């Protein structure tokens, strides 16, 4: 069972690594899509990418997992409140995709809170699996 939950932890973290890389390499896309929601422009997009990558690595390697899972939960909450909910009320042609992204971040938020809630920081046996 330990191996299965470890695999789940790693599989949960991989998309955040990719999302973080997207934020760093596709800054113009994020600025073009969400310019009215992003303060400080490219700095915020790149910083978000770095935080996503750090959270992913932390969860995969089991260092500072509880803290980074809470950071990730906070970041996802900000995404929901500042990006997804305002887009639901915008004149967007594809409301289904906006709703899908909102629900995706809600489920990822739940996963982050579950990881933060069950992880014990005092676990000193830090192997990858």
Protein backbone atom coordinates (compact mmCIF):
# COMPACT_ATOMS: atom_id res chain seq x y z
CA UNK A 1 0.00 0.00 0.00
CA UNK A 2 2.89 2.37 0.72
CA UNK A 3 4.15 2.04 -2.84
CA UNK A 4 0.71 2.81 -4.25
CA UNK A 5 0.29 5.96 -2.17
CA UNK A 6 3.83 7.05 -3.07
CA UNK A 7 3.04 6.59 -6.74
CA UNK A 8 -0.11 8.67 -6.26
CA UNK A 9 1.90 11.42 -4.59
CA UNK A 10 4.36 11.55 -7.49
CA UNK A 11 1.59 11.42 -10.10
CA UNK A 12 -0.16 14.28 -8.31
CA UNK A 13 3.02 16.39 -8.36
CA UNK A 14 4.01 15.91 -12.02
CA UNK A 15 1.31 18.18 -13.52
CA UNK A 16 2.38 21.02 -11.22
CA UNK A 17 5.92 20.71 -12.56
CA UNK A 18 4.57 21.00 -16.10
CA UNK A 19 2.22 23.87 -15.15
CA UNK A 20 5.18 25.68 -13.59
CA UNK A 21 7.32 25.23 -16.70
CA UNK A 22 4.42 26.53 -18.80
CA UNK A 23 4.25 29.66 -16.64
CA UNK A 24 7.95 30.29 -17.18
CA UNK A 25 8.18 29.53 -20.90
CA UNK A 26 4.75 30.82 -22.00
CA UNK A 27 4.63 34.11 -20.12
CA UNK A 28 3.11 35.92 -23.10
CA UNK A 29 0.24 33.44 -23.27
CA UNK A 30 -0.69 34.00 -19.62
CA UNK A 31 -0.36 37.76 -19.95
CA UNK A 32 -2.54 37.73 -23.08
CA UNK A 33 -5.23 35.54 -21.56
CA UNK A 34 -5.42 37.00 -18.07
CA UNK A 35 -3.87 40.46 -18.29
CA UNK A 36 -6.63 42.14 -16.32
CA UNK A 37 -6.23 39.68 -13.44
CA UNK A 38 -2.44 39.66 -13.12
CA UNK A 39 -0.75 42.39 -11.09
CA UNK A 40 2.95 43.07 -11.81
CA UNK A 41 2.73 41.31 -15.17
CA UNK A 42 5.53 38.91 -16.13
CA UNK A 43 7.03 38.91 -12.62
CA UNK A 44 3.85 37.41 -11.17
CA UNK A 45 3.57 34.80 -13.94
CA UNK A 46 7.18 33.65 -13.56
CA UNK A 47 6.98 33.70 -9.75
CA UNK A 48 3.86 31.55 -9.93
CA UNK A 49 5.75 29.12 -12.17
CA UNK A 50 8.64 28.91 -9.71
CA UNK A 51 6.25 28.24 -6.81
CA UNK A 52 4.48 25.51 -8.79
CA UNK A 53 7.81 23.85 -9.63
CA UNK A 54 9.00 24.11 -6.02
CA UNK A 55 5.76 22.57 -4.73
CA UNK A 56 6.03 19.74 -7.24
CA UNK A 57 9.63 18.94 -6.34
CA UNK A 58 8.82 19.18 -2.64
CA UNK A 59 5.92 16.76 -2.89
CA UNK A 60 7.89 14.32 -5.05
CA UNK A 61 11.00 14.33 -2.85
CA UNK A 62 9.09 14.50 0.47
CA UNK A 63 10.81 17.63 1.78
CA UNK A 64 8.62 20.33 3.34
CA UNK A 65 5.56 18.56 1.96
CA UNK A 66 3.04 19.87 4.48
CA UNK A 67 4.18 23.48 4.07
CA UNK A 68 4.31 23.34 0.26
CA UNK A 69 0.95 21.58 0.06
CA UNK A 70 -0.55 24.49 2.01
CA UNK A 71 1.25 26.97 -0.27
CA UNK A 72 -0.14 25.12 -3.27
CA UNK A 73 -3.63 25.16 -1.74
CA UNK A 74 -3.36 28.91 -1.25
CA UNK A 75 -2.17 29.42 -4.81
CA UNK A 76 -5.01 27.32 -6.18
CA UNK A 77 -7.48 29.30 -4.08
CA UNK A 78 -6.09 32.50 -5.61
CA UNK A 79 -6.48 31.01 -9.11
CA UNK A 80 -10.09 30.14 -8.38
CA UNK A 81 -10.95 33.55 -6.93
CA UNK A 82 -9.00 35.79 -9.30
CA UNK A 83 -9.02 33.91 -12.60
CA UNK A 84 -11.75 31.28 -12.88
CA UNK A 85 -14.66 32.93 -11.08
CA UNK A 86 -14.25 36.30 -12.87
CA UNK A 87 -14.07 34.46 -16.21
CA UNK A 88 -17.40 32.79 -15.50
CA UNK A 89 -19.00 36.24 -15.46
CA UNK A 90 -17.08 37.57 -18.48
CA UNK A 91 -18.45 37.46 -21.98
CA UNK A 92 -16.45 34.33 -22.81
CA UNK A 93 -17.53 32.21 -25.74
CA UNK A 94 -16.54 28.89 -24.17
CA UNK A 95 -18.06 28.83 -20.69
CA UNK A 96 -17.68 25.04 -20.59
CA UNK A 97 -13.88 25.30 -20.69
CA UNK A 98 -13.94 27.97 -17.98
CA UNK A 99 -16.12 25.74 -15.80
CA UNK A 100 -13.82 22.77 -16.51
CA UNK A 101 -10.74 24.76 -15.41
CA UNK A 102 -12.58 25.91 -12.29
CA UNK A 103 -13.54 22.36 -11.33
CA UNK A 104 -10.02 21.12 -12.10
CA UNK A 105 -8.53 23.62 -9.69
CA UNK A 106 -11.16 22.78 -7.05
CA UNK A 107 -10.18 19.12 -7.22
CA UNK A 108 -6.46 19.95 -7.14
CA UNK A 109 -7.12 22.18 -4.13
CA UNK A 110 -8.80 19.26 -2.40
CA UNK A 111 -5.84 17.01 -3.18
CA UNK A 112 -3.41 19.56 -1.77
CA UNK A 113 -5.40 19.84 1.44
CA UNK A 114 -5.54 16.04 1.75
CA UNK A 115 -1.77 15.76 1.32
CA UNK A 116 -1.19 18.52 3.85
CA UNK A 117 -3.61 16.94 6.28
CA UNK A 118 -2.19 13.41 6.23
CA UNK A 119 1.51 14.05 5.82
CA UNK A 120 3.70 13.83 8.91
CA UNK A 121 6.74 16.13 8.79
CA UNK A 122 8.54 14.09 11.44
CA UNK A 123 8.94 11.22 8.96
CA UNK A 124 12.75 11.12 8.67
CA UNK A 125 12.88 8.10 6.34
CA UNK A 126 12.86 10.14 3.14
CA UNK A 127 13.12 7.81 0.24
CA UNK A 128 11.54 8.65 -3.08
CA UNK A 129 9.02 5.82 -2.74
